[in-house]
C-alpha atoms as a PDB file:
ATOM      1  CA  MET A   1       0.000   0.000   0.000  1.00  0.00           C
ATOM      2  CA  LYS A   2       1.017   3.583  -0.619  1.00  0.00           C
ATOM      3  CA  ILE A   3      -0.071   6.051   2.061  1.00  0.00           C
ATOM      4  CA  LEU A   4      -0.428   9.801   1.637  1.00  0.00           C
ATOM      5  CA  VAL A   5       0.420  11.583   4.901  1.00  0.00           C
ATOM      6  CA  THR A   6      -0.624  15.220   5.010  1.00  0.00           C
ATOM      7  CA  GLY A   7       1.386  17.245   7.503  1.00  0.00           C
ATOM      8  CA  GLY A   8       4.058  14.554   7.522  1.00  0.00           C
ATOM      9  CA  ALA A   9       6.784  16.961   8.669  1.00  0.00           C
ATOM     10  CA  GLY A  10       4.917  17.881  11.853  1.00  0.00           C
ATOM     11  CA  TYR A  11       4.927  16.609  15.436  1.00  0.00           C
ATOM     12  CA  ILE A  12       3.017  13.381  14.770  1.00  0.00           C
ATOM     13  CA  GLY A  13       3.982  12.992  11.122  1.00  0.00           C
ATOM     14  CA  SER A  14       7.728  13.099  11.746  1.00  0.00           C
ATOM     15  CA  SER A  15       7.338  10.091  14.066  1.00  0.00           C
ATOM     16  CA  LEU A  16       4.706   8.343  11.931  1.00  0.00           C
ATOM     17  CA  VAL A  17       6.540   8.403   8.575  1.00  0.00           C
ATOM     18  CA  PRO A  18       9.502   6.263   9.732  1.00  0.00           C
ATOM     19  CA  MET A  19       7.094   3.863  11.479  1.00  0.00           C
ATOM     20  CA  LEU A  20       5.140   3.373   8.244  1.00  0.00           C
ATOM     21  CA  LEU A  21       8.325   2.844   6.234  1.00  0.00           C
ATOM     22  CA  GLU A  22       9.617   0.316   8.785  1.00  0.00           C
ATOM     23  CA  ASN A  23       6.346  -1.591   8.339  1.00  0.00           C
ATOM     24  CA  LYS A  24       6.888  -1.785   4.555  1.00  0.00           C
ATOM     25  CA  TYR A  25       4.367   0.850   3.486  1.00  0.00           C
ATOM     26  CA  LYS A  26       5.220   3.250   0.685  1.00  0.00           C
ATOM     27  CA  VAL A  27       4.806   6.807   1.918  1.00  0.00           C
ATOM     28  CA  ARG A  28       4.173  10.133   0.216  1.00  0.00           C
ATOM     29  CA  VAL A  29       4.174  13.271   2.364  1.00  0.00           C
ATOM     30  CA  LEU A  30       2.238  16.403   1.445  1.00  0.00           C
ATOM     31  CA  ASP A  31       3.389  19.345   3.552  1.00  0.00           C
ATOM     32  CA  CYS A  32       3.839  23.099   3.092  1.00  0.00           C
ATOM     33  CA  LEU A  33       6.846  22.972   5.480  1.00  0.00           C
ATOM     34  CA  LEU A  34       5.536  25.716   7.750  1.00  0.00           C
ATOM     35  CA  TYR A  35       8.001  24.503  10.387  1.00  0.00           C
ATOM     36  CA  GLY A  36      10.721  23.351   7.989  1.00  0.00           C
ATOM     37  CA  GLY A  37      11.450  19.930   6.539  1.00  0.00           C
ATOM     38  CA  ALA A  38      14.590  18.766   8.325  1.00  0.00           C
ATOM     39  CA  THR A  39      12.686  15.946  10.042  1.00  0.00           C
ATOM     40  CA  LEU A  40      12.133  14.281   6.657  1.00  0.00           C
ATOM     41  CA  LEU A  41      15.730  14.392   5.391  1.00  0.00           C
ATOM     42  CA  PRO A  42      16.687  10.859   6.522  1.00  0.00           C
ATOM     43  CA  HIS A  43      13.967   9.341   4.301  1.00  0.00           C
ATOM     44  CA  PHE A  44      14.992  10.698   0.916  1.00  0.00           C
ATOM     45  CA  ARG A  45      17.402   7.791   0.371  1.00  0.00           C
ATOM     46  CA  ASN A  46      14.496   5.378   0.780  1.00  0.00           C
ATOM     47  CA  PRO A  47      12.892   4.507  -2.588  1.00  0.00           C
ATOM     48  CA  ASP A  48       9.560   3.934  -0.801  1.00  0.00           C
ATOM     49  CA  PHE A  49       9.397   7.598   0.254  1.00  0.00           C
ATOM     50  CA  ASP A  50       8.499  10.635  -1.811  1.00  0.00           C
ATOM     51  CA  PHE A  51       7.463  14.184  -1.075  1.00  0.00           C
ATOM     52  CA  VAL A  52       5.140  16.847  -2.466  1.00  0.00           C
ATOM     53  CA  ARG A  53       5.540  20.365  -1.186  1.00  0.00           C
ATOM     54  CA  GLY A  54       2.212  22.130  -1.195  1.00  0.00           C
ATOM     55  CA  ASP A  55      -0.878  23.401   0.566  1.00  0.00           C
ATOM     56  CA  ILE A  56      -3.864  21.180   1.395  1.00  0.00           C
ATOM     57  CA  ARG A  57      -6.133  24.114   0.495  1.00  0.00           C
ATOM     58  CA  SER A  58      -5.149  23.690  -3.184  1.00  0.00           C
ATOM     59  CA  LEU A  59      -7.359  21.134  -4.952  1.00  0.00           C
ATOM     60  CA  GLU A  60      -4.841  20.751  -7.794  1.00  0.00           C
ATOM     61  CA  THR A  61      -2.025  20.031  -5.327  1.00  0.00           C
ATOM     62  CA  VAL A  62      -4.102  17.525  -3.364  1.00  0.00           C
ATOM     63  CA  ARG A  63      -5.184  15.675  -6.510  1.00  0.00           C
ATOM     64  CA  LYS A  64      -1.554  15.420  -7.621  1.00  0.00           C
ATOM     65  CA  ALA A  65      -0.490  14.132  -4.211  1.00  0.00           C
ATOM     66  CA  LEU A  66      -3.268  11.506  -4.185  1.00  0.00           C
ATOM     67  CA  GLU A  67      -2.159   9.885  -7.453  1.00  0.00           C
ATOM     68  CA  GLY A  68      -1.293   6.245  -6.821  1.00  0.00           C
ATOM     69  CA  CYS A  69      -2.149   6.381  -3.103  1.00  0.00           C
ATOM     70  CA  ASP A  70      -4.370   3.752  -1.495  1.00  0.00           C
ATOM     71  CA  ALA A  71      -5.136   5.529   1.788  1.00  0.00           C
ATOM     72  CA  VAL A  72      -4.736   8.936   3.414  1.00  0.00           C
ATOM     73  CA  ILE A  73      -3.604   9.863   6.912  1.00  0.00           C
ATOM     74  CA  HIS A  74      -4.706  13.460   7.372  1.00  0.00           C
ATOM     75  CA  LEU A  75      -2.639  15.307   9.970  1.00  0.00           C
ATOM     76  CA  ALA A  76      -2.111  18.734   8.374  1.00  0.00           C
ATOM     77  CA  ALA A  77      -3.595  21.397  10.637  1.00  0.00           C
ATOM     78  CA  ILE A  78      -2.957  24.441  12.756  1.00  0.00           C
ATOM     79  CA  VAL A  79      -2.864  22.528  16.013  1.00  0.00           C
ATOM     80  CA  GLY A  80      -3.751  23.583  19.528  1.00  0.00           C
ATOM     81  CA  PHE A  81      -5.370  26.554  21.234  1.00  0.00           C
ATOM     82  CA  PRO A  82      -2.272  28.847  21.249  1.00  0.00           C
ATOM     83  CA  ALA A  83      -1.490  28.435  17.539  1.00  0.00           C
ATOM     84  CA  CYS A  84      -5.120  28.938  16.518  1.00  0.00           C
ATOM     85  CA  ARG A  85      -5.442  32.010  18.715  1.00  0.00           C
ATOM     86  CA  LYS A  86      -2.311  33.465  17.138  1.00  0.00           C
ATOM     87  CA  ASN A  87      -3.701  33.169  13.594  1.00  0.00           C
ATOM     88  CA  PRO A  88      -7.460  32.447  13.628  1.00  0.00           C
ATOM     89  CA  ASP A  89      -8.025  32.990   9.882  1.00  0.00           C
ATOM     90  CA  LEU A  90      -5.272  30.533   9.007  1.00  0.00           C
ATOM     91  CA  ALA A  91      -6.674  28.030  11.500  1.00  0.00           C
ATOM     92  CA  GLN A  92     -10.121  28.197   9.912  1.00  0.00           C
ATOM     93  CA  THR A  93      -8.939  27.876   6.321  1.00  0.00           C
ATOM     94  CA  VAL A  94      -6.432  25.089   7.006  1.00  0.00           C
ATOM     95  CA  ASN A  95      -8.313  23.030   9.570  1.00  0.00           C
ATOM     96  CA  PHE A  96     -11.723  23.079   7.919  1.00  0.00           C
ATOM     97  CA  ASP A  97     -11.379  24.385   4.358  1.00  0.00           C
ATOM     98  CA  GLY A  98      -8.253  22.303   3.743  1.00  0.00           C
ATOM     99  CA  THR A  99      -9.935  19.189   5.125  1.00  0.00           C
ATOM    100  CA  LYS A 100     -12.934  19.805   2.863  1.00  0.00           C
ATOM    101  CA  VAL A 101     -10.599  19.947  -0.154  1.00  0.00           C
ATOM    102  CA  ILE A 102      -9.072  16.613   0.845  1.00  0.00           C
ATOM    103  CA  ALA A 103     -12.471  14.990   1.435  1.00  0.00           C
ATOM    104  CA  ASP A 104     -13.821  16.203  -1.893  1.00  0.00           C
ATOM    105  CA  ALA A 105     -10.707  15.021  -3.736  1.00  0.00           C
ATOM    106  CA  VAL A 106     -10.637  11.580  -2.091  1.00  0.00           C
ATOM    107  CA  GLY A 107     -14.355  10.822  -2.259  1.00  0.00           C
ATOM    108  CA  ARG A 108     -15.441   7.265  -1.488  1.00  0.00           C
ATOM    109  CA  GLY A 109     -13.370   4.110  -1.760  1.00  0.00           C
ATOM    110  CA  ARG A 110     -10.052   5.033  -0.172  1.00  0.00           C
ATOM    111  CA  HIS A 111      -9.678   4.938   3.596  1.00  0.00           C
ATOM    112  CA  VAL A 112      -9.069   8.340   5.229  1.00  0.00           C
ATOM    113  CA  LEU A 113      -7.626   8.311   8.757  1.00  0.00           C
ATOM    114  CA  PHE A 114      -8.133  11.614  10.528  1.00  0.00           C
ATOM    115  CA  GLY A 115      -6.188  12.978  13.467  1.00  0.00           C
ATOM    116  CA  SER A 116      -9.020  14.549  15.455  1.00  0.00           C
ATOM    117  CA  THR A 117      -8.947  15.676  19.093  1.00  0.00           C
ATOM    118  CA  GLY A 118     -10.540  15.370  22.503  1.00  0.00           C
ATOM    119  CA  SER A 119     -10.944  19.154  22.388  1.00  0.00           C
ATOM    120  CA  ASN A 120     -14.102  18.429  20.402  1.00  0.00           C
ATOM    121  CA  TYR A 121     -15.857  17.535  23.658  1.00  0.00           C
ATOM    122  CA  GLY A 122     -15.326  20.950  25.258  1.00  0.00           C
ATOM    123  CA  ALA A 123     -17.154  21.493  28.549  1.00  0.00           C
ATOM    124  CA  LEU A 124     -19.034  18.494  29.932  1.00  0.00           C
ATOM    125  CA  GLU A 125     -21.305  17.999  32.897  1.00  0.00           C
ATOM    126  CA  GLN A 126     -20.800  14.226  32.998  1.00  0.00           C
ATOM    127  CA  ASP A 127     -17.790  12.569  34.615  1.00  0.00           C
ATOM    128  CA  VAL A 128     -16.943  10.138  31.804  1.00  0.00           C
ATOM    129  CA  CYS A 129     -17.223  10.793  28.079  1.00  0.00           C
ATOM    130  CA  THR A 130     -17.539   8.220  25.294  1.00  0.00           C
ATOM    131  CA  GLU A 131     -17.682   8.532  21.521  1.00  0.00           C
ATOM    132  CA  GLU A 132     -21.456   9.037  21.889  1.00  0.00           C
ATOM    133  CA  THR A 133     -21.063  12.094  24.131  1.00  0.00           C
ATOM    134  CA  PRO A 134     -22.443  15.227  22.383  1.00  0.00           C
ATOM    135  CA  LEU A 135     -19.682  17.499  21.116  1.00  0.00           C
ATOM    136  CA  ASN A 136     -19.453  20.966  22.602  1.00  0.00           C
ATOM    137  CA  PRO A 137     -16.176  22.553  21.397  1.00  0.00           C
ATOM    138  CA  LEU A 138     -15.346  25.912  22.959  1.00  0.00           C
ATOM    139  CA  SER A 139     -11.971  26.913  21.532  1.00  0.00           C
ATOM    140  CA  LEU A 140     -11.384  27.811  17.878  1.00  0.00           C
ATOM    141  CA  TYR A 141      -9.158  24.765  17.607  1.00  0.00           C
ATOM    142  CA  GLY A 142     -11.918  22.488  18.889  1.00  0.00           C
ATOM    143  CA  LYS A 143     -14.556  24.102  16.678  1.00  0.00           C
ATOM    144  CA  THR A 144     -12.503  23.813  13.474  1.00  0.00           C
ATOM    145  CA  LYS A 145     -11.500  20.214  14.195  1.00  0.00           C
ATOM    146  CA  THR A 146     -15.082  19.248  15.026  1.00  0.00           C
ATOM    147  CA  ALA A 147     -16.342  20.739  11.759  1.00  0.00           C
ATOM    148  CA  ALA A 148     -13.546  18.977   9.853  1.00  0.00           C
ATOM    149  CA  GLU A 149     -14.287  15.631  11.505  1.00  0.00           C
ATOM    150  CA  GLU A 150     -18.000  15.891  10.752  1.00  0.00           C
ATOM    151  CA  TYR A 151     -17.376  16.744   7.095  1.00  0.00           C
ATOM    152  CA  LEU A 152     -14.933  13.878   6.616  1.00  0.00           C
ATOM    153  CA  MET A 153     -17.183  11.337   8.300  1.00  0.00           C
ATOM    154  CA  GLY A 154     -20.102  12.443   6.141  1.00  0.00           C
ATOM    155  CA  ASN A 155     -18.287  12.475   2.812  1.00  0.00           C
ATOM    156  CA  CYS A 156     -15.520   9.842   2.942  1.00  0.00           C
ATOM    157  CA  ASP A 157     -14.817   6.310   4.095  1.00  0.00           C
ATOM    158  CA  ALA A 158     -13.123   7.716   7.157  1.00  0.00           C
ATOM    159  CA  THR A 159     -11.922   6.787  10.624  1.00  0.00           C
ATOM    160  CA  ALA A 160     -11.520   9.635  13.112  1.00  0.00           C
ATOM    161  CA  PHE A 161      -9.299   9.439  16.169  1.00  0.00           C
ATOM    162  CA  ARG A 162     -10.151  11.780  19.046  1.00  0.00           C
ATOM    163  CA  PHE A 163      -6.766  11.740  20.679  1.00  0.00           C
ATOM    164  CA  ALA A 164      -6.002  12.426  24.300  1.00  0.00           C
ATOM    165  CA  THR A 165      -3.518  15.235  25.010  1.00  0.00           C
ATOM    166  CA  ALA A 166      -0.255  14.347  23.287  1.00  0.00           C
ATOM    167  CA  PHE A 167       3.155  14.349  24.928  1.00  0.00           C
ATOM    168  CA  GLY A 168       6.669  13.080  24.318  1.00  0.00           C
ATOM    169  CA  VAL A 169       9.720  13.624  22.163  1.00  0.00           C
ATOM    170  CA  SER A 170       9.375  13.746  18.381  1.00  0.00           C
ATOM    171  CA  PRO A 171      11.771  14.931  15.657  1.00  0.00           C
ATOM    172  CA  ARG A 172       9.597  18.075  15.365  1.00  0.00           C
ATOM    173  CA  ILE A 173       9.114  18.804  19.048  1.00  0.00           C
ATOM    174  CA  ARG A 174       6.103  20.754  20.326  1.00  0.00           C
ATOM    175  CA  LEU A 175       6.281  22.719  23.548  1.00  0.00           C
ATOM    176  CA  ASP A 176       2.706  23.997  23.637  1.00  0.00           C
ATOM    177  CA  LEU A 177       1.533  20.566  24.840  1.00  0.00           C
ATOM    178  CA  LEU A 178       0.816  20.446  28.563  1.00  0.00           C
ATOM    179  CA  ILE A 179       3.330  17.824  29.734  1.00  0.00           C
ATOM    180  CA  ASN A 180       5.992  18.934  27.257  1.00  0.00           C
ATOM    181  CA  GLU A 181       5.648  22.559  28.318  1.00  0.00           C
ATOM    182  CA  PHE A 182       5.575  21.773  32.032  1.00  0.00           C
ATOM    183  CA  VAL A 183       8.814  19.781  31.749  1.00  0.00           C
ATOM    184  CA  TYR A 184      10.441  22.469  29.611  1.00  0.00           C
ATOM    185  CA  THR A 185       9.476  25.283  31.995  1.00  0.00           C
ATOM    186  CA  ALA A 186      10.533  23.331  35.091  1.00  0.00           C
ATOM    187  CA  LEU A 187      13.932  22.641  33.519  1.00  0.00           C
ATOM    188  CA  LYS A 188      14.621  26.085  32.054  1.00  0.00           C
ATOM    189  CA  MET A 189      12.957  28.393  34.586  1.00  0.00           C
ATOM    190  CA  ARG A 190      13.082  26.191  37.700  1.00  0.00           C
ATOM    191  CA  TYR A 191       9.556  27.244  38.585  1.00  0.00           C
ATOM    192  CA  LEU A 192       6.071  26.526  37.309  1.00  0.00           C
ATOM    193  CA  VAL A 193       2.799  28.390  37.864  1.00  0.00           C
ATOM    194  CA  VAL A 194      -0.251  26.196  37.222  1.00  0.00           C
ATOM    195  CA  TYR A 195      -3.938  27.103  37.238  1.00  0.00           C
ATOM    196  CA  GLU A 196      -6.908  24.729  37.584  1.00  0.00           C
ATOM    197  CA  SER A 197      -4.529  22.173  39.061  1.00  0.00           C
ATOM    198  CA  HIS A 198      -7.392  19.783  39.898  1.00  0.00           C
ATOM    199  CA  PHE A 199      -8.564  19.567  36.266  1.00  0.00           C
ATOM    200  CA  MET A 200      -8.271  16.062  34.808  1.00  0.00           C
ATOM    201  CA  ARG A 201      -6.636  15.310  31.472  1.00  0.00           C
ATOM    202  CA  THR A 202      -5.967  12.081  29.626  1.00  0.00           C
ATOM    203  CA  PHE A 203      -2.606  11.771  27.884  1.00  0.00           C
ATOM    204  CA  ILE A 204      -1.069   9.759  25.055  1.00  0.00           C
ATOM    205  CA  HIS A 205       2.529   9.502  23.894  1.00  0.00           C
ATOM    206  CA  VAL A 206       3.219  10.535  20.308  1.00  0.00           C
ATOM    207  CA  GLN A 207       4.535   7.040  19.468  1.00  0.00           C
ATOM    208  CA  ASP A 208       1.242   5.519  20.600  1.00  0.00           C
ATOM    209  CA  MET A 209      -0.648   8.012  18.435  1.00  0.00           C
ATOM    210  CA  CYS A 210       1.372   6.765  15.475  1.00  0.00           C
ATOM    211  CA  ARG A 211       0.673   3.164  16.441  1.00  0.00           C
ATOM    212  CA  ALA A 212      -3.063   3.915  16.358  1.00  0.00           C
ATOM    213  CA  PHE A 213      -2.826   4.881  12.692  1.00  0.00           C
ATOM    214  CA  LEU A 214      -0.844   1.740  11.919  1.00  0.00           C
ATOM    215  CA  PHE A 215      -3.462  -0.296  13.815  1.00  0.00           C
ATOM    216  CA  ALA A 216      -6.247   1.250  11.719  1.00  0.00           C
ATOM    217  CA  LEU A 217      -4.469   0.435   8.458  1.00  0.00           C
ATOM    218  CA  GLN A 218      -4.148  -3.169   9.611  1.00  0.00           C
ATOM    219  CA  ASN A 219      -7.816  -3.324  10.687  1.00  0.00           C
ATOM    220  CA  ASP A 220      -9.283  -1.360   7.783  1.00  0.00           C
ATOM    221  CA  SER A 221     -12.589  -3.193   7.344  1.00  0.00           C
ATOM    222  CA  LYS A 222     -13.452  -3.095  11.075  1.00  0.00           C
ATOM    223  CA  MET A 223     -12.745   0.588  11.562  1.00  0.00           C
ATOM    224  CA  ARG A 224     -14.039   2.486   8.530  1.00  0.00           C
ATOM    225  CA  GLY A 225     -16.879   4.835   9.273  1.00  0.00           C
ATOM    226  CA  GLN A 226     -16.150   4.920  12.998  1.00  0.00           C
ATOM    227  CA  VAL A 227     -14.939   7.485  15.539  1.00  0.00           C
ATOM    228  CA  TYR A 228     -12.650   6.397  18.364  1.00  0.00           C
ATOM    229  CA  ASN A 229     -11.286   7.969  21.505  1.00  0.00           C
ATOM    230  CA  VAL A 230      -7.583   7.102  21.584  1.00  0.00           C
ATOM    231  CA  GLY A 231      -5.706   6.900  24.854  1.00  0.00           C
ATOM    232  CA  ALA A 232      -5.789   4.808  28.015  1.00  0.00           C
ATOM    233  CA  GLU A 233      -7.917   5.055  31.133  1.00  0.00           C
ATOM    234  CA  THR A 234      -4.762   4.471  33.184  1.00  0.00           C
ATOM    235  CA  MET A 235      -3.411   7.768  31.782  1.00  0.00           C
ATOM    236  CA  ASN A 236      -6.058  10.042  33.330  1.00  0.00           C
ATOM    237  CA  PHE A 237      -4.276  12.505  35.624  1.00  0.00           C
ATOM    238  CA  SER A 238      -4.866  15.916  37.132  1.00  0.00           C
ATOM    239  CA  LYS A 239      -2.472  18.745  36.353  1.00  0.00           C
ATOM    240  CA  ALA A 240      -1.277  18.548  39.968  1.00  0.00           C
ATOM    241  CA  GLN A 241      -0.453  14.849  39.596  1.00  0.00           C
ATOM    242  CA  VAL A 242       1.585  15.570  36.455  1.00  0.00           C
ATOM    243  CA  CYS A 243       3.490  18.321  38.288  1.00  0.00           C
ATOM    244  CA  GLU A 244       4.340  15.945  41.129  1.00  0.00           C
ATOM    245  CA  MET A 245       5.617  13.352  38.636  1.00  0.00           C
ATOM    246  CA  ILE A 246       7.889  15.993  37.132  1.00  0.00           C
ATOM    247  CA  ARG A 247       9.134  16.927  40.627  1.00  0.00           C
ATOM    248  CA  LYS A 248      10.519  13.409  40.974  1.00  0.00           C
ATOM    249  CA  LYS A 249      12.848  14.190  38.054  1.00  0.00           C
ATOM    250  CA  VAL A 250      13.407  17.961  38.280  1.00  0.00           C
ATOM    251  CA  ASP A 251      14.035  20.223  41.274  1.00  0.00           C
ATOM    252  CA  TYR A 252      11.778  23.254  40.759  1.00  0.00           C
ATOM    253  CA  TYR A 253       9.368  25.590  42.568  1.00  0.00           C
ATOM    254  CA  LEU A 254       5.676  24.862  41.987  1.00  0.00           C
ATOM    255  CA  HIS A 255       2.869  27.357  42.590  1.00  0.00           C
ATOM    256  CA  TYR A 256      -0.832  26.627  42.132  1.00  0.00           C
ATOM    257  CA  ALA A 257      -2.485  29.863  40.972  1.00  0.00           C
ATOM    258  CA  GLU A 258      -6.052  31.024  41.506  1.00  0.00           C
ATOM    259  CA  VAL A 259      -6.253  32.853  38.157  1.00  0.00           C
ATOM    260  CA  GLY A 260      -6.378  31.310  34.676  1.00  0.00           C
ATOM    261  CA  GLU A 261      -8.514  28.796  32.808  1.00  0.00           C
ATOM    262  CA  ASP A 262      -8.385  26.083  30.181  1.00  0.00           C
ATOM    263  CA  ALA A 263      -9.873  27.334  26.898  1.00  0.00           C
ATOM    264  CA  ASP A 264     -11.355  23.891  26.163  1.00  0.00           C
ATOM    265  CA  LYS A 265     -12.697  23.421  29.737  1.00  0.00           C
ATOM    266  CA  ARG A 266     -11.432  19.848  29.714  1.00  0.00           C
ATOM    267  CA  ASN A 267     -12.001  18.300  33.138  1.00  0.00           C
ATOM    268  CA  TYR A 268     -13.290  14.780  32.727  1.00  0.00           C
ATOM    269  CA  VAL A 269     -12.312  11.148  32.379  1.00  0.00           C
ATOM    270  CA  VAL A 270     -12.457   9.616  28.901  1.00  0.00           C
ATOM    271  CA  SER A 271     -13.537   6.060  28.083  1.00  0.00           C
ATOM    272  CA  TYR A 272     -11.361   4.133  25.633  1.00  0.00           C
ATOM    273  CA  LYS A 273     -13.317   0.868  25.729  1.00  0.00           C
ATOM    274  CA  LYS A 274     -14.392   1.060  22.093  1.00  0.00           C
ATOM    275  CA  LEU A 275     -10.860   0.950  20.656  1.00  0.00           C
ATOM    276  CA  ASP A 276      -9.620  -1.302  23.457  1.00  0.00           C
ATOM    277  CA  GLY A 277     -12.250  -3.805  22.345  1.00  0.00           C
ATOM    278  CA  LEU A 278     -10.471  -4.144  19.007  1.00  0.00           C
ATOM    279  CA  GLY A 279      -7.146  -4.898  20.712  1.00  0.00           C
ATOM    280  CA  TYR A 280      -5.354  -1.545  20.683  1.00  0.00           C
ATOM    281  CA  ARG A 281      -3.291  -0.642  23.769  1.00  0.00           C
ATOM    282  CA  THR A 282      -0.965   2.252  24.565  1.00  0.00           C
ATOM    283  CA  THR A 283       2.611   1.362  25.505  1.00  0.00           C
ATOM    284  CA  VAL A 284       4.335   4.479  26.921  1.00  0.00           C
ATOM    285  CA  THR A 285       3.437   5.774  30.388  1.00  0.00           C
ATOM    286  CA  VAL A 286       3.421   9.418  31.472  1.00  0.00           C
ATOM    287  CA  GLU A 287       6.327   8.709  33.809  1.00  0.00           C
ATOM    288  CA  GLU A 288       8.376   7.257  30.946  1.00  0.00           C
ATOM    289  CA  GLY A 289       7.508  10.229  28.739  1.00  0.00           C
ATOM    290  CA  ILE A 290       8.588  12.711  31.421  1.00  0.00           C
ATOM    291  CA  GLU A 291      11.906  10.902  31.833  1.00  0.00           C
ATOM    292  CA  GLU A 292      12.425  11.023  28.054  1.00  0.00           C
ATOM    293  CA  LEU A 293      11.570  14.732  27.896  1.00  0.00           C
ATOM    294  CA  VAL A 294      13.913  15.616  30.761  1.00  0.00           C
ATOM    295  CA  ARG A 295      16.795  13.801  29.079  1.00  0.00           C
ATOM    296  CA  ALA A 296      16.108  15.333  25.666  1.00  0.00           C
ATOM    297  CA  LEU A 297      15.410  18.930  26.736  1.00  0.00           C
ATOM    298  CA  GLN A 298      18.591  19.042  28.790  1.00  0.00           C
ATOM    299  CA  VAL A 299      20.524  18.431  25.562  1.00  0.00           C
ATOM    300  CA  VAL A 300      18.516  19.989  22.729  1.00  0.00           C
ATOM    301  CA  ASP A 301      18.150  23.776  22.650  1.00  0.00           C
ATOM    302  CA  VAL A 302      14.557  24.550  21.666  1.00  0.00           C
ATOM    303  CA  SER A 303      12.375  27.621  22.170  1.00  0.00           C
ATOM    304  CA  ASN A 304       8.794  27.746  23.373  1.00  0.00           C
ATOM    305  CA  PRO A 305       6.620  30.157  21.339  1.00  0.00           C
ATOM    306  CA  TYR A 306       3.470  29.609  23.405  1.00  0.00           C
ATOM    307  CA  THR A 307       2.368  29.311  27.011  1.00  0.00           C
ATOM    308  CA  ASN A 308      -0.286  26.817  28.086  1.00  0.00           C
ATOM    309  CA  THR A 309      -0.118  26.440  31.854  1.00  0.00           C
END
């Protein structure tokens, strides 16, 4: 099979592409290289890899990229509350309009795997949410991803993954993710100010996100037309619990603030029974991811363009 990966140079894509190649898939990446393309350089010697530089909002570009591809993994997006707040027009046109272009170009027949988000749930009154929980996105990021998911599911043979909050080291590191940013700030500033410390989040390592896409390719007929929460119930933690895990690895000052709020209002436990029932399991714990981040961020000099505490 040949897989088109949109946004293949990004945080998830830069970890997913080598995983697909290792599993003997042919891979084409479509990416505008908003954050550069250095993460893809090791693959150009591989005859099973090729690259199209372009914008998912261009129908001509998307049609060209789709030629000869059997399935699509759609990751290209302006991701997260901070990035969408910084450029709301770009977020709208990329996250929804670009997804609509892809859906219209793919049509029916080929499997489309979509990287959606738990931000689609927004504020909930119930304690546990499932795939049947009504969506109530509050942030621009959540609203654009919800609209994109709904369009894809209505117009393609698609599988949508509502991922837990990502964390972990990837060739294109992101520091606007909660655990990644907390570790970075604790290491570099030696203090951390956290609001809504009792709020619950569910987390998933970037490698396990990639494994979910591989799992869907291998279970194509079972998973088409379905939406899945992706994570693990053992990975539900409060912000305070995450901070205490980091304190076991980093000596820093921690202050719980009274002011500040989560734009998505996420404070609930997520059920992952639907995907678990098919045999998918996560493999990397939060503790292991924190250890990995501490080791990496002590060596690699990266900057943090956003704050998300």
